[in-house]
């Protein structure tokens, strides 16, 4: 599995990624910051 650089994503990109991967706690944490 490749590492995702959440810091490089915009808020809109993070939101879309998280909506597609709702179980991904790391994506949620990055979005919630």
N, C-alpha and C. Protein backbone atom coordinates (compact mmCIF):
# COMPACT_ATOMS: atom_id res chain seq x y z
N UNK A 1 0.84 -1.17 0.00
CA UNK A 1 0.00 0.00 0.00
C UNK A 1 0.89 1.24 0.00
N UNK A 2 0.59 2.19 -0.84
CA UNK A 2 1.40 3.41 -0.90
C UNK A 2 0.94 4.40 0.17
N UNK A 3 1.86 5.23 0.58
CA UNK A 3 1.55 6.26 1.57
C UNK A 3 0.92 7.46 0.87
N UNK A 4 -0.13 7.98 1.45
CA UNK A 4 -0.81 9.15 0.91
C UNK A 4 -0.30 10.38 1.65
N UNK A 5 0.05 11.42 0.92
CA UNK A 5 0.50 12.66 1.53
C UNK A 5 -0.70 13.59 1.69
N UNK A 6 -1.37 13.49 2.84
CA UNK A 6 -2.57 14.29 3.08
C UNK A 6 -2.25 15.77 3.17
N UNK A 7 -1.04 16.11 3.63
CA UNK A 7 -0.66 17.51 3.76
C UNK A 7 -0.58 18.20 2.40
N UNK A 8 -0.34 17.44 1.35
CA UNK A 8 -0.23 18.02 0.02
C UNK A 8 -1.60 18.23 -0.63
N UNK A 9 -2.64 17.68 -0.02
CA UNK A 9 -3.99 17.80 -0.59
C UNK A 9 -4.68 19.07 -0.09
N UNK A 10 -5.52 19.64 -0.94
CA UNK A 10 -6.34 20.77 -0.51
C UNK A 10 -7.48 20.23 0.35
N UNK A 11 -8.17 21.11 1.04
CA UNK A 11 -9.31 20.68 1.86
C UNK A 11 -10.36 19.99 1.00
N UNK A 12 -10.61 20.50 -0.19
CA UNK A 12 -11.61 19.89 -1.08
C UNK A 12 -11.17 18.49 -1.49
N UNK A 13 -9.89 18.32 -1.79
CA UNK A 13 -9.37 17.00 -2.16
C UNK A 13 -9.47 16.03 -0.99
N UNK A 14 -9.12 16.52 0.21
CA UNK A 14 -9.22 15.67 1.40
C UNK A 14 -10.66 15.23 1.63
N UNK A 15 -11.59 16.15 1.48
CA UNK A 15 -12.99 15.83 1.69
C UNK A 15 -13.44 14.75 0.72
N UNK A 16 -13.11 14.91 -0.55
CA UNK A 16 -13.50 13.91 -1.55
C UNK A 16 -12.85 12.57 -1.27
N UNK A 17 -11.57 12.58 -0.89
CA UNK A 17 -10.87 11.34 -0.59
C UNK A 17 -11.52 10.64 0.60
N UNK A 18 -11.82 11.42 1.65
CA UNK A 18 -12.41 10.84 2.84
C UNK A 18 -13.81 10.29 2.55
N UNK A 19 -14.58 10.99 1.74
CA UNK A 19 -15.93 10.50 1.40
C UNK A 19 -15.86 9.16 0.66
N UNK A 20 -14.80 8.96 -0.11
CA UNK A 20 -14.63 7.69 -0.83
C UNK A 20 -14.02 6.60 0.05
N UNK A 21 -13.31 7.01 1.11
CA UNK A 21 -12.61 6.07 1.99
C UNK A 21 -12.99 6.36 3.44
N UNK A 22 -14.26 6.21 3.75
CA UNK A 22 -14.79 6.61 5.06
C UNK A 22 -14.14 5.90 6.24
N UNK A 23 -13.58 4.74 6.04
CA UNK A 23 -12.94 4.02 7.13
C UNK A 23 -11.52 4.48 7.41
N UNK A 24 -11.01 5.40 6.61
CA UNK A 24 -9.62 5.83 6.73
C UNK A 24 -9.49 6.90 7.79
N UNK A 25 -9.07 6.51 8.98
CA UNK A 25 -8.95 7.45 10.09
C UNK A 25 -7.86 8.50 9.85
N UNK A 26 -6.80 8.13 9.17
CA UNK A 26 -5.72 9.08 8.90
C UNK A 26 -6.23 10.20 7.99
N UNK A 27 -7.06 9.85 7.01
CA UNK A 27 -7.62 10.87 6.12
C UNK A 27 -8.56 11.77 6.90
N UNK A 28 -9.35 11.19 7.79
CA UNK A 28 -10.26 12.00 8.60
C UNK A 28 -9.48 12.96 9.48
N UNK A 29 -8.44 12.46 10.12
CA UNK A 29 -7.64 13.31 11.00
C UNK A 29 -7.01 14.47 10.22
N UNK A 30 -6.53 14.19 9.02
CA UNK A 30 -5.93 15.24 8.19
C UNK A 30 -6.99 16.26 7.79
N UNK A 31 -8.17 15.79 7.48
CA UNK A 31 -9.26 16.69 7.08
C UNK A 31 -9.75 17.52 8.27
N UNK A 32 -9.78 16.94 9.45
CA UNK A 32 -10.31 17.61 10.64
C UNK A 32 -9.35 18.67 11.19
N UNK A 33 -8.09 18.65 10.78
CA UNK A 33 -7.12 19.63 11.29
C UNK A 33 -7.44 21.03 10.88
